[in-house]
Amino acid sequence: MHVVEHLIAGEWTAGGDLATVIDPHDGTPVSTAPAATPDEVAAAVAAARDAAAGWARTAPAQRADALRAAAVAVERSAGALARTLSSETGKPVADAEASIAAGVGTLRQYAELGALYGGRTLAGDPGALDFMVREPRGVVAAITPWNDPVAVSCGLLGAALVTGNAVVYKPSERAPATGWRLTRLLAPGFPPGVLSMLAGAAPTGAALAEAPVDVVAHVGSSAAGRWIAAAAARTGAKALLENGGSDPLVVDAGVDPVWAAGQAALGAFANAGQLCVSVERIYVHEAVAEDFLATLVKEADGFEIGPLVDVRHRTAVHGEVVAALDAGATLLTGGAVRDGPGAWYPPTVLSRCTDEMRVVENETFGPVAPVVTVGSFDEALRRAARSAYGLAATVLTGDLDHAQRAWRTLEVGTVKINAVFGGAPGGAAHPRRDSGEGFGHGPALLEEMTATKVVHLRPVSPADGGAGSPGRG
């Protein structure tokens, strides 16, 4: 049993009332965590504010060295950290290890980029010096999710710390021990107060979002993101948000339906469908629909996944499936809650779905593949674009013209052609509408964590006659 603590001003403190996290594999207790009080939130933010100026003045190369040391510490403890992550979230240990390795790579990437990240000079008056500099924003509140807690946290924390900000970090209440263990590995390389950690649920996150911080970086639900955006508007903080998505997959006529079904299964069922960029709705051309559905059912029946994060979430996912069936969808496989402990839910395929069903319209965030059959590629694009979300989309097509129209038409941050996952590591995108705002990853995240200052420096000449002119005593 992990007993989570807060880190405030370099000191670990136990906190008050404890909440227990249950292992979604078997229903056994995994960790207990306190909920930070408003006073503890204020203390952590004050400590960060006190530490921020000194850390901002620290040489970029020294900040980068601290991040490299943190990456080494995480890498050396990856096995134990992966087991904690798995026991809290249900992610298989091998997947957790891969996710942690991605987080380590992100820390190292930011260590290399941070030491080189600067401004630029401008062409102006030859007698003056004009330049733009990037400065840390100050105090960053980082509120992270449970579904990929280490990789996401390493991204936000690494970018904020290497650019000279102090950070108050709140991991998800569904994975508090994972965030706690990660912080214990990261924090020793930084001065007290530069990195603090607070445990707690929504009230703690709300108190942190309303505190006098300079950036609120949040990865999580759209509802929470909207609330944070409103809070940031009141306080003047910058809101950096990656929220939910209802990512479509379009399957064009002429593609191999067996290959397309494999892509759909990977997109819908990987990590039990609990990824921000999971495939949430599928539009398949009627010319390949029959073979596609038959193969997708086979893929689902053989796809190995872990449990959902907890029973409460499983209840919500199953509720979406039941509502779709009540509205006329057909269950092809899955869709049953198995007896026994844990939060297991099978890969599920639904056909005869419509855009009005909640399982299509909303972010189900579970291993559910709702399929809509369409008569043309244009219809698929039109229906795929009809969403309040704008995170990502995938299009499977052998037609170059269709591919071009797809990425130009779909108003989302990321469009993937002929692959549900993948892409260059330096890519960063702006989510649209309910999916958030700002760069959430990649080298561009360094821009979000800094502010640009323009400087015009003109020496005083004797002809100016001002104080400080050469020759004046």
Foldseek 3Di string as FASTA:
>chain_A
DAQFFWAALNDTDRADDWDWFAFQFARHTQYIHHADDLVRLQRLVVLQQVCQVVLQPPQLLLLLVLLLQLLVLCLVCLQVLLVLLCRLFQFPSVVSSVLSVLLSVLSNVLSVVLNVDWWAWDDDDPQWTKIKTWGFQEEEEEEEESLSFRNLVSFVVSLQRSRRYAYEYEYALSRRVSVRVSCVSNVVSDRGSSYIYGYHHDVSLLSNLLDQGAEYEYEEALVSLVSSVVSCVVNVHHYFYFHAAQAEEEAAPPDDLLLVLVQLQCQQQVQQLQDRLRHQEYEYEPNCVVVNVVNNLVSQVPDDHTFGSFQVLLVQLLVLVVQQVVVPKDWPDWSDDDDHGRRHGGQTEIEPGDCPRCSNQDRSNGNYYYYYYDHHLVVVLVSSQPHQWAAEYEYEDPDPVSVVCNVVRRRHFYYHYNHSDDDDQQDWTAIDGSRGGDTSGHPRVSVVRIDMDMDMGRDDDVVVVDPPHPPDD
